[in-house]
C-alpha atoms as a PDB file:
ATOM      1  CA  UNK A   1      17.661   6.887 -22.026  1.00  0.00           C
ATOM      2  CA  UNK A   2      14.623   4.878 -23.218  1.00  0.00           C
ATOM      3  CA  UNK A   3      13.460   1.898 -21.949  1.00  0.00           C
ATOM      4  CA  UNK A   4      14.948  -0.074 -24.359  1.00  0.00           C
ATOM      5  CA  UNK A   5      18.364   1.447 -23.327  1.00  0.00           C
ATOM      6  CA  UNK A   6      17.838   0.642 -19.692  1.00  0.00           C
ATOM      7  CA  UNK A   7      16.894  -3.365 -20.894  1.00  0.00           C
ATOM      8  CA  UNK A   8      20.003  -3.234 -22.536  1.00  0.00           C
ATOM      9  CA  UNK A   9      22.126  -1.832 -19.751  1.00  0.00           C
ATOM     10  CA  UNK A  10      20.498  -4.138 -17.106  1.00  0.00           C
ATOM     11  CA  UNK A  11      21.282  -7.332 -19.549  1.00  0.00           C
ATOM     12  CA  UNK A  12      24.828  -6.403 -20.024  1.00  0.00           C
ATOM     13  CA  UNK A  13      25.362  -6.071 -16.118  1.00  0.00           C
ATOM     14  CA  UNK A  14      23.490  -9.370 -15.605  1.00  0.00           C
ATOM     15  CA  UNK A  15      25.736 -11.267 -18.079  1.00  0.00           C
ATOM     16  CA  UNK A  16      29.157  -9.498 -16.510  1.00  0.00           C
ATOM     17  CA  UNK A  17      28.111 -11.093 -13.240  1.00  0.00           C
ATOM     18  CA  UNK A  18      26.176 -14.545 -13.891  1.00  0.00           C
ATOM     19  CA  UNK A  19      27.328 -15.041 -17.335  1.00  0.00           C
ATOM     20  CA  UNK A  20      24.729 -14.941 -20.372  1.00  0.00           C
ATOM     21  CA  UNK A  21      21.847 -16.802 -18.232  1.00  0.00           C
ATOM     22  CA  UNK A  22      19.366 -13.989 -19.014  1.00  0.00           C
ATOM     23  CA  UNK A  23      18.070 -13.329 -22.425  1.00  0.00           C
ATOM     24  CA  UNK A  24      17.350  -9.672 -23.400  1.00  0.00           C
ATOM     25  CA  UNK A  25      13.657 -10.699 -23.667  1.00  0.00           C
ATOM     26  CA  UNK A  26      13.185 -12.027 -20.105  1.00  0.00           C
ATOM     27  CA  UNK A  27      15.273  -8.782 -18.861  1.00  0.00           C
ATOM     28  CA  UNK A  28      12.533  -6.609 -20.790  1.00  0.00           C
ATOM     29  CA  UNK A  29       9.823  -8.831 -18.833  1.00  0.00           C
ATOM     30  CA  UNK A  30      11.785  -7.954 -15.347  1.00  0.00           C
ATOM     31  CA  UNK A  31      12.117  -4.091 -16.145  1.00  0.00           C
ATOM     32  CA  UNK A  32       8.483  -4.040 -17.470  1.00  0.00           C
ATOM     33  CA  UNK A  33       7.483  -5.658 -14.572  1.00  0.00           C
ATOM     34  CA  UNK A  34       9.316  -3.237 -12.219  1.00  0.00           C
ATOM     35  CA  UNK A  35       7.776  -0.374 -13.690  1.00  0.00           C
ATOM     36  CA  UNK A  36       4.540  -1.732 -13.520  1.00  0.00           C
ATOM     37  CA  UNK A  37       4.698  -2.530  -9.985  1.00  0.00           C
ATOM     38  CA  UNK A  38       5.466   1.113  -8.990  1.00  0.00           C
ATOM     39  CA  UNK A  39       2.541   2.109 -11.445  1.00  0.00           C
ATOM     40  CA  UNK A  40       0.120   0.068  -9.279  1.00  0.00           C
ATOM     41  CA  UNK A  41       1.392   1.067  -6.280  1.00  0.00           C
ATOM     42  CA  UNK A  42       1.064   4.724  -7.233  1.00  0.00           C
ATOM     43  CA  UNK A  43      -2.536   4.036  -8.625  1.00  0.00           C
ATOM     44  CA  UNK A  44      -3.350   2.659  -5.444  1.00  0.00           C
ATOM     45  CA  UNK A  45      -1.992   5.630  -3.296  1.00  0.00           C
ATOM     46  CA  UNK A  46       0.759   4.192  -2.077  1.00  0.00           C
ATOM     47  CA  UNK A  47       4.502   5.478  -1.742  1.00  0.00           C
ATOM     48  CA  UNK A  48       7.491   3.619  -2.831  1.00  0.00           C
ATOM     49  CA  UNK A  49      10.640   3.949  -1.279  1.00  0.00           C
ATOM     50  CA  UNK A  50      14.053   2.628  -3.075  1.00  0.00           C
ATOM     51  CA  UNK A  51      16.743   3.183  -0.718  1.00  0.00           C
ATOM     52  CA  UNK A  52      19.531   5.159  -2.092  1.00  0.00           C
ATOM     53  CA  UNK A  53      17.695   6.291  -5.301  1.00  0.00           C
ATOM     54  CA  UNK A  54      14.572   8.009  -3.918  1.00  0.00           C
ATOM     55  CA  UNK A  55      10.887   7.999  -3.176  1.00  0.00           C
ATOM     56  CA  UNK A  56       8.017   8.185  -5.387  1.00  0.00           C
ATOM     57  CA  UNK A  57       4.489   9.621  -3.609  1.00  0.00           C
ATOM     58  CA  UNK A  58       1.314  10.866  -4.396  1.00  0.00           C
ATOM     59  CA  UNK A  59       0.830  14.499  -3.501  1.00  0.00           C
ATOM     60  CA  UNK A  60      -2.696  16.272  -3.663  1.00  0.00           C
ATOM     61  CA  UNK A  61      -2.913  19.173  -5.616  1.00  0.00           C
ATOM     62  CA  UNK A  62      -5.009  21.926  -4.369  1.00  0.00           C
ATOM     63  CA  UNK A  63      -8.112  23.287  -6.230  1.00  0.00           C
ATOM     64  CA  UNK A  64      -6.434  26.623  -8.155  1.00  0.00           C
ATOM     65  CA  UNK A  65      -7.812  29.235 -10.582  1.00  0.00           C
ATOM     66  CA  UNK A  66      -6.254  29.019 -14.100  1.00  0.00           C
ATOM     67  CA  UNK A  67      -7.226  31.096 -17.175  1.00  0.00           C
ATOM     68  CA  UNK A  68      -8.177  29.824 -20.352  1.00  0.00           C
ATOM     69  CA  UNK A  69      -5.261  31.029 -22.998  1.00  0.00           C
ATOM     70  CA  UNK A  70      -7.663  31.374 -26.012  1.00  0.00           C
ATOM     71  CA  UNK A  71     -10.015  33.622 -24.100  1.00  0.00           C
ATOM     72  CA  UNK A  72      -8.517  35.033 -21.035  1.00  0.00           C
ATOM     73  CA  UNK A  73     -11.696  33.869 -18.851  1.00  0.00           C
ATOM     74  CA  UNK A  74     -10.841  32.185 -15.606  1.00  0.00           C
ATOM     75  CA  UNK A  75     -11.145  28.442 -15.125  1.00  0.00           C
ATOM     76  CA  UNK A  76     -11.287  26.419 -11.864  1.00  0.00           C
ATOM     77  CA  UNK A  77      -9.124  23.583 -11.786  1.00  0.00           C
ATOM     78  CA  UNK A  78     -10.039  20.727  -9.378  1.00  0.00           C
ATOM     79  CA  UNK A  79      -8.080  19.103  -6.820  1.00  0.00           C
ATOM     80  CA  UNK A  80      -6.475  15.705  -8.062  1.00  0.00           C
ATOM     81  CA  UNK A  81      -3.223  13.840  -7.146  1.00  0.00           C
ATOM     82  CA  UNK A  82      -0.304  14.035  -8.891  1.00  0.00           C
ATOM     83  CA  UNK A  83       3.024  11.527  -8.757  1.00  0.00           C
ATOM     84  CA  UNK A  84       6.125  13.264  -7.678  1.00  0.00           C
ATOM     85  CA  UNK A  85       9.632  12.000  -7.084  1.00  0.00           C
ATOM     86  CA  UNK A  86      11.768  12.719  -4.553  1.00  0.00           C
ATOM     87  CA  UNK A  87      15.877  11.840  -4.894  1.00  0.00           C
ATOM     88  CA  UNK A  88      17.771  10.181  -2.175  1.00  0.00           C
ATOM     89  CA  UNK A  89      20.676  12.286  -0.672  1.00  0.00           C
ATOM     90  CA  UNK A  90      22.964   9.685  -2.325  1.00  0.00           C
ATOM     91  CA  UNK A  91      21.280  10.146  -5.864  1.00  0.00           C
ATOM     92  CA  UNK A  92      21.664  14.044  -5.453  1.00  0.00           C
ATOM     93  CA  UNK A  93      25.283  14.048  -4.440  1.00  0.00           C
ATOM     94  CA  UNK A  94      25.994  11.558  -7.231  1.00  0.00           C
ATOM     95  CA  UNK A  95      24.253  13.856  -9.588  1.00  0.00           C
ATOM     96  CA  UNK A  96      26.120  17.000  -8.432  1.00  0.00           C
ATOM     97  CA  UNK A  97      29.080  14.760  -8.303  1.00  0.00           C
ATOM     98  CA  UNK A  98      30.305  16.128  -4.966  1.00  0.00           C
ATOM     99  CA  UNK A  99      30.760  14.087  -1.569  1.00  0.00           C
ATOM    100  CA  UNK A 100      27.548  13.225   0.309  1.00  0.00           C
ATOM    101  CA  UNK A 101      28.993  14.997   3.320  1.00  0.00           C
ATOM    102  CA  UNK A 102      28.806  18.387   1.798  1.00  0.00           C
ATOM    103  CA  UNK A 103      25.170  17.739   0.934  1.00  0.00           C
ATOM    104  CA  UNK A 104      24.023  16.935   4.699  1.00  0.00           C
ATOM    105  CA  UNK A 105      26.102  20.556   5.362  1.00  0.00           C
ATOM    106  CA  UNK A 106      23.745  22.316   3.040  1.00  0.00           C
END
């Protein structure tokens, strides 16, 4: 699914509930603003929790040794922050097509 597909789905969902009050262009601005807010929060090293969906976090990767694929020489990869996503139990259950109570037992 692309961002354009997401904008299309959101526009359709809004028009079904409240009529054609929002244009596709306005909906694209909303989707862009939402994604920009997530990016800005992650850039500022903040976690974002969306209940029922999941959590976006920044995790610190440790310094590690890797190999140059061309020469085979060892190379040190420095520590750095990386974004990670942890889905909620509800989202994991929905994707697995199981009841959420089954997920709690595992």
